[in-house]
């Protein structure tokens, strides 16, 4: 179970004065040696990008990336407290704490896990249908330059995804795999893992092509869960925290520790198998055949043609 680490993360990130250094201090105290905090400021706005690496038994193996995707953990001063949108940061911090605690008691993963998120307790909100969402402090390309690392061989992007009518069940849903403009099928192994950790049939979040294009093209996106896919050639799977009803990203009191525990345990189970080569995100032969028959779709990672 990771519920202890999830609750620790919720309590830490709920504080109005939380920042990246406070989170980094907790991670270092638990034995995570490779932790960096980068504060970025622009036009009176700022956020702290947090990055840490759990090296595993063989740091040279392909690294799994876990990206905690969000606009902000709070929307102060407009609203008081932890917002629904904070889920990505909570899971990222909880994963780091759980993996550190496992390593301290002898359970070290085969390969490295790189965990990135950002800590912003005062983000803005923005209009969105069917409910308003949180707004990232900076342009999405800037956010991705800090949240996506070149050494991430595959990425789990964790994001609160309750502001839609596409998934009408509370829990955790997975997206199809996004890679260089392509939407690929979810591996059976990931569906197995989600079923095992949740005890329920796995749920899949439907995506459209425009959901994996950059935010700066101005088109509608379900949210920013797939934005890491615009900044890497690595495959990306979204880990979406869902609800039966539509919940604004700026709503407080919406955080559900038990759903976050499922998401955290799923990420950890994938990390265990990915490092040992037992949980590939896509089939190499199918990918090669798609490229041969239909060519590259990498232009979907760009803003496309200007008007």
Protein backbone atom coordinates (compact mmCIF):
# COMPACT_ATOMS: atom_id res chain seq x y z
CA UNK A 1 0.00 0.00 0.00
CA UNK A 2 1.03 3.59 -0.61
CA UNK A 3 -1.81 5.26 1.29
CA UNK A 4 0.58 6.50 3.99
CA UNK A 5 2.73 8.29 1.41
CA UNK A 6 -0.37 9.64 -0.37
CA UNK A 7 -1.70 11.15 2.85
CA UNK A 8 1.72 12.63 3.64
CA UNK A 9 1.79 14.22 0.19
CA UNK A 10 -1.74 15.60 0.54
CA UNK A 11 -0.95 17.17 3.90
CA UNK A 12 2.28 18.68 2.61
CA UNK A 13 0.81 20.11 -0.58
CA UNK A 14 -2.31 21.43 1.17
CA UNK A 15 -0.29 24.10 2.96
CA UNK A 16 -0.74 27.63 1.67
CA UNK A 17 2.99 28.28 2.01
CA UNK A 18 4.20 25.07 0.34
CA UNK A 19 6.99 25.39 -2.21
CA UNK A 20 9.44 23.14 -4.01
CA UNK A 21 12.09 23.35 -1.32
CA UNK A 22 9.70 22.09 1.38
CA UNK A 23 8.85 19.08 -0.77
CA UNK A 24 12.51 18.48 -1.65
CA UNK A 25 13.46 18.59 2.04
CA UNK A 26 11.01 15.78 2.81
CA UNK A 27 12.29 13.67 -0.09
CA UNK A 28 15.92 14.16 0.96
CA UNK A 29 15.07 13.25 4.55
CA UNK A 30 13.63 9.96 3.23
CA UNK A 31 16.81 9.11 1.34
CA UNK A 32 16.22 10.53 -2.15
CA UNK A 33 19.65 11.95 -2.95
CA UNK A 34 19.05 13.27 -6.47
CA UNK A 35 16.48 16.05 -5.97
CA UNK A 36 16.51 19.43 -7.72
CA UNK A 37 14.21 22.44 -7.47
CA UNK A 38 14.16 25.06 -10.22
CA UNK A 39 12.15 28.22 -9.64
CA UNK A 40 10.96 29.91 -12.84
CA UNK A 41 9.57 33.45 -12.66
CA UNK A 42 7.93 35.49 -15.39
CA UNK A 43 5.59 38.51 -15.37
CA UNK A 44 5.01 38.24 -11.64
CA UNK A 45 4.21 34.52 -11.79
CA UNK A 46 6.41 31.72 -10.53
CA UNK A 47 6.42 28.02 -9.86
CA UNK A 48 8.94 25.50 -8.53
CA UNK A 49 9.78 22.62 -10.84
CA UNK A 50 10.67 19.56 -8.80
CA UNK A 51 12.71 16.69 -10.26
CA UNK A 52 14.10 13.60 -8.56
CA UNK A 53 15.59 10.31 -9.65
CA UNK A 54 15.45 6.94 -7.91
CA UNK A 55 18.46 5.19 -9.50
CA UNK A 56 17.47 1.53 -9.13
CA UNK A 57 19.91 -1.38 -9.13
CA UNK A 58 21.19 -0.47 -12.60
CA UNK A 59 21.03 3.28 -13.30
CA UNK A 60 21.98 2.62 -16.94
CA UNK A 61 18.74 0.79 -17.74
CA UNK A 62 16.03 2.77 -19.58
CA UNK A 63 14.36 5.16 -17.15
CA UNK A 64 10.61 5.32 -16.59
CA UNK A 65 9.34 8.88 -16.27
CA UNK A 66 6.47 9.79 -13.95
CA UNK A 67 5.20 13.29 -14.67
CA UNK A 68 2.79 14.88 -12.20
CA UNK A 69 0.80 17.11 -14.58
CA UNK A 70 -1.26 20.02 -13.27
CA UNK A 71 -1.86 23.73 -13.45
CA UNK A 72 -1.36 24.24 -9.74
CA UNK A 73 -1.93 22.69 -6.32
CA UNK A 74 -3.87 25.81 -5.26
CA UNK A 75 -5.67 28.80 -6.75
CA UNK A 76 -4.99 31.29 -3.98
CA UNK A 77 -6.22 33.90 -3.26
CA UNK A 78 -9.35 33.09 -5.31
CA UNK A 79 -10.00 29.83 -3.41
CA UNK A 80 -8.65 28.43 -0.16
CA UNK A 81 -7.06 25.01 0.06
CA UNK A 82 -5.90 22.13 -2.11
CA UNK A 83 -7.65 21.99 -5.48
CA UNK A 84 -8.82 18.98 -7.46
CA UNK A 85 -6.09 19.70 -10.03
CA UNK A 86 -3.38 18.85 -7.47
CA UNK A 87 -3.68 15.10 -8.10
CA UNK A 88 -0.71 14.91 -10.47
CA UNK A 89 1.67 16.51 -7.98
CA UNK A 90 0.32 14.38 -5.12
CA UNK A 91 0.91 11.13 -7.01
CA UNK A 92 4.37 12.21 -8.16
CA UNK A 93 5.49 13.05 -4.61
CA UNK A 94 3.83 9.93 -3.18
CA UNK A 95 5.61 7.74 -5.77
CA UNK A 96 8.96 9.24 -4.82
CA UNK A 97 8.30 8.73 -1.10
CA UNK A 98 7.09 5.14 -1.57
CA UNK A 99 10.02 4.15 -3.79
CA UNK A 100 12.44 5.72 -1.29
CA UNK A 101 10.82 3.85 1.60
CA UNK A 102 10.95 0.60 -0.38
CA UNK A 103 14.64 1.11 -1.15
CA UNK A 104 15.40 1.83 2.50
CA UNK A 105 13.99 -1.57 3.47
CA UNK A 106 15.73 -3.52 0.71
CA UNK A 107 13.25 -3.42 -2.21
CA UNK A 108 15.16 -1.58 -4.92
CA UNK A 109 13.73 -1.48 -8.43
CA UNK A 110 15.78 -2.88 -11.34
CA UNK A 111 16.06 0.43 -13.23
CA UNK A 112 15.78 4.17 -12.63
CA UNK A 113 12.59 6.17 -12.21
CA UNK A 114 12.64 9.90 -12.95
CA UNK A 115 9.81 11.84 -11.27
CA UNK A 116 8.99 15.43 -12.30
CA UNK A 117 6.22 17.84 -11.32
CA UNK A 118 5.79 21.45 -10.27
CA UNK A 119 4.60 23.11 -7.07
CA UNK A 120 2.40 26.19 -7.46
CA UNK A 121 -0.09 27.05 -4.65
CA UNK A 122 -1.33 30.24 -6.37
CA UNK A 123 -2.16 29.30 -9.98
CA UNK A 124 -4.94 31.00 -11.94
CA UNK A 125 -8.11 29.45 -13.34
CA UNK A 126 -9.35 29.49 -16.93
CA UNK A 127 -12.71 28.98 -18.68
CA UNK A 128 -13.28 25.49 -20.11
CA UNK A 129 -16.30 23.41 -21.03
CA UNK A 130 -18.03 21.78 -19.24
CA UNK A 131 -16.35 23.21 -16.09
CA UNK A 132 -13.49 25.66 -15.45
CA UNK A 133 -9.93 24.39 -15.11
CA UNK A 134 -6.67 25.49 -13.57
CA UNK A 135 -4.23 27.42 -15.72
CA UNK A 136 -0.52 26.55 -15.89
CA UNK A 137 1.71 29.45 -14.80
CA UNK A 138 3.60 29.51 -18.12
CA UNK A 139 3.21 28.45 -21.73
CA UNK A 140 2.99 24.68 -22.08
CA UNK A 141 6.27 24.41 -23.99
CA UNK A 142 8.02 26.07 -21.06
CA UNK A 143 6.32 23.69 -18.63
CA UNK A 144 7.30 20.66 -20.72
CA UNK A 145 10.93 21.79 -20.97
CA UNK A 146 11.14 21.22 -17.20
CA UNK A 147 8.75 18.29 -16.78
CA UNK A 148 9.97 16.05 -19.60
CA UNK A 149 13.57 14.80 -19.48
CA UNK A 150 15.46 13.39 -22.49
CA UNK A 151 16.41 10.28 -20.49
CA UNK A 152 12.79 9.30 -19.88
CA UNK A 153 12.43 6.24 -22.12
CA UNK A 154 8.66 6.10 -21.47
CA UNK A 155 6.34 8.34 -19.49
CA UNK A 156 3.32 7.98 -17.24
CA UNK A 157 1.57 11.36 -17.14
CA UNK A 158 -0.69 11.67 -14.10
CA UNK A 159 -3.43 14.30 -14.11
CA UNK A 160 -6.81 15.03 -12.56
CA UNK A 161 -9.33 14.44 -15.39
CA UNK A 162 -12.70 15.05 -13.78
CA UNK A 163 -13.83 18.02 -15.86
CA UNK A 164 -15.41 16.03 -18.69
CA UNK A 165 -18.40 13.87 -19.60
CA UNK A 166 -16.37 11.19 -21.40
CA UNK A 167 -15.64 9.03 -18.36
CA UNK A 168 -18.55 8.74 -15.93
CA UNK A 169 -16.92 6.60 -13.25
CA UNK A 170 -14.87 7.53 -10.23
CA UNK A 171 -11.40 6.06 -10.12
CA UNK A 172 -8.38 5.89 -12.38
CA UNK A 173 -8.46 5.59 -16.17
CA UNK A 174 -5.64 5.00 -18.63
CA UNK A 175 -5.27 6.63 -22.04
CA UNK A 176 -4.08 4.99 -25.24
CA UNK A 177 -0.33 5.32 -25.84
CA UNK A 178 0.74 8.54 -27.58
CA UNK A 179 4.01 8.51 -29.53
CA UNK A 180 5.18 11.08 -32.07
CA UNK A 181 1.67 11.98 -33.19
CA UNK A 182 0.33 8.43 -33.19
CA UNK A 183 -2.26 6.98 -30.82
CA UNK A 184 -1.34 3.34 -30.16
CA UNK A 185 -3.15 0.56 -28.35
CA UNK A 186 -2.69 0.10 -24.62
CA UNK A 187 -0.51 -2.91 -23.78
CA UNK A 188 -2.32 -5.85 -22.23
CA UNK A 189 0.18 -5.80 -19.37
CA UNK A 190 -0.90 -2.30 -18.34
CA UNK A 191 -4.56 -3.30 -18.42
CA UNK A 192 -3.63 -6.27 -16.22
CA UNK A 193 -1.79 -4.06 -13.75
CA UNK A 194 -4.63 -1.57 -13.47
CA UNK A 195 -7.09 -4.38 -12.87
CA UNK A 196 -4.86 -5.88 -10.20
CA UNK A 197 -4.20 -2.67 -8.24
CA UNK A 198 -7.79 -1.37 -8.48
CA UNK A 199 -9.63 -4.68 -8.14
CA UNK A 200 -11.92 -3.51 -10.93
CA UNK A 201 -12.16 -3.77 -14.70
CA UNK A 202 -9.65 -1.32 -16.23
CA UNK A 203 -11.08 1.94 -17.51
CA UNK A 204 -9.79 3.67 -20.65
CA UNK A 205 -10.10 7.41 -21.28
CA UNK A 206 -10.98 8.13 -24.92
CA UNK A 207 -8.74 10.64 -26.70
CA UNK A 208 -9.08 12.59 -29.92
CA UNK A 209 -6.18 13.50 -32.19
CA UNK A 210 -6.30 17.11 -31.02
CA UNK A 211 -5.75 15.98 -27.41
CA UNK A 212 -2.17 15.03 -28.31
CA UNK A 213 -1.41 18.28 -30.15
CA UNK A 214 0.21 21.29 -28.42
CA UNK A 215 -1.90 23.61 -26.30
CA UNK A 216 -0.60 26.62 -28.22
CA UNK A 217 -2.61 25.72 -31.32
CA UNK A 218 -5.69 27.03 -29.52
CA UNK A 219 -7.81 23.92 -30.12
CA UNK A 220 -9.92 22.23 -27.44
CA UNK A 221 -8.11 19.63 -25.32
CA UNK A 222 -9.63 17.37 -22.69
CA UNK A 223 -6.88 18.73 -20.41
CA UNK A 224 -3.08 18.78 -20.33
CA UNK A 225 -2.62 15.10 -19.49
CA UNK A 226 -1.06 14.30 -22.88
CA UNK A 227 1.07 17.43 -23.25
CA UNK A 228 4.28 15.55 -22.35
CA UNK A 229 3.82 13.75 -25.69
CA UNK A 230 4.52 16.99 -27.62
CA UNK A 231 8.02 17.24 -26.13
CA UNK A 232 9.46 13.75 -26.57
CA UNK A 233 9.79 10.82 -28.94
CA UNK A 234 9.13 8.49 -25.99
CA UNK A 235 5.73 6.82 -25.60
CA UNK A 236 3.34 8.47 -23.13
CA UNK A 237 0.39 6.94 -21.25
CA UNK A 238 -1.97 9.16 -19.30
CA UNK A 239 -3.02 8.10 -15.80
CA UNK A 240 -6.25 10.02 -15.27
CA UNK A 241 -8.05 10.56 -11.96
CA UNK A 242 -11.74 10.53 -12.89
CA UNK A 243 -15.17 11.10 -11.35
CA UNK A 244 -18.77 10.13 -12.02
CA UNK A 245 -19.73 13.80 -12.23
CA UNK A 246 -17.91 16.81 -13.67
CA UNK A 247 -15.62 18.50 -11.16
CA UNK A 248 -13.85 21.83 -11.83
CA UNK A 249 -10.08 21.70 -11.57
CA UNK A 250 -10.26 24.63 -9.15
CA UNK A 251 -12.74 22.89 -6.81
CA UNK A 252 -11.52 22.25 -3.27
CA UNK A 253 -12.51 19.32 -1.09
CA UNK A 254 -12.41 17.01 -4.13
CA UNK A 255 -9.16 15.13 -3.35
CA UNK A 256 -9.72 11.40 -2.85
CA UNK A 257 -6.83 9.63 -1.15
CA UNK A 258 -8.02 6.15 -2.08
CA UNK A 259 -8.12 6.90 -5.82
CA UNK A 260 -4.69 8.55 -5.55
CA UNK A 261 -3.41 5.41 -3.81
CA UNK A 262 -4.57 3.32 -6.80
CA UNK A 263 -2.80 5.68 -9.23
CA UNK A 264 0.38 5.63 -7.14
CA UNK A 265 0.43 1.85 -6.87
CA UNK A 266 -0.18 1.53 -10.61
CA UNK A 267 2.82 3.76 -11.39
CA UNK A 268 5.00 1.77 -9.03
CA UNK A 269 3.93 -1.57 -10.49
CA UNK A 270 4.71 -0.33 -14.00
CA UNK A 271 8.10 0.90 -12.76
CA UNK A 272 8.92 -2.53 -11.33
CA UNK A 273 8.28 -4.24 -14.66
CA UNK A 274 9.51 -1.53 -17.02
CA UNK A 275 13.03 -1.59 -15.62
CA UNK A 276 13.25 -5.35 -16.12
CA UNK A 277 11.90 -5.17 -19.68
CA UNK A 278 8.55 -6.79 -18.86
CA UNK A 279 6.25 -3.83 -19.54
CA UNK A 280 6.87 -2.32 -22.97
CA UNK A 281 4.65 0.64 -23.87
CA UNK A 282 4.33 -0.41 -27.52
CA UNK A 283 5.21 -3.20 -29.94
CA UNK A 284 8.38 -2.44 -31.92
CA UNK A 285 7.29 -4.45 -34.96
CA UNK A 286 3.87 -2.78 -35.11
CA UNK A 287 5.47 0.65 -34.74
CA UNK A 288 7.89 -0.07 -37.59
CA UNK A 289 5.04 -1.28 -39.82
CA UNK A 290 2.94 1.80 -39.09
CA UNK A 291 5.88 4.00 -40.06
CA UNK A 292 6.51 1.99 -43.24
CA UNK A 293 2.89 2.05 -44.38
CA UNK A 294 1.77 5.52 -43.30
CA UNK A 295 4.85 7.55 -42.47
CA UNK A 296 5.53 9.97 -39.66
CA UNK A 297 2.87 11.91 -37.79
CA UNK A 298 5.41 13.90 -35.80
CA UNK A 299 4.01 17.13 -37.28
CA UNK A 300 1.17 16.71 -34.77
CA UNK A 301 3.71 17.53 -32.05
CA UNK A 302 3.97 21.03 -33.55
CA UNK A 303 1.46 23.88 -33.91
CA UNK A 304 1.06 23.04 -37.58
CA UNK A 305 0.41 25.58 -40.32
CA UNK A 306 -0.25 29.15 -39.27
CA UNK A 307 -3.57 30.70 -40.40
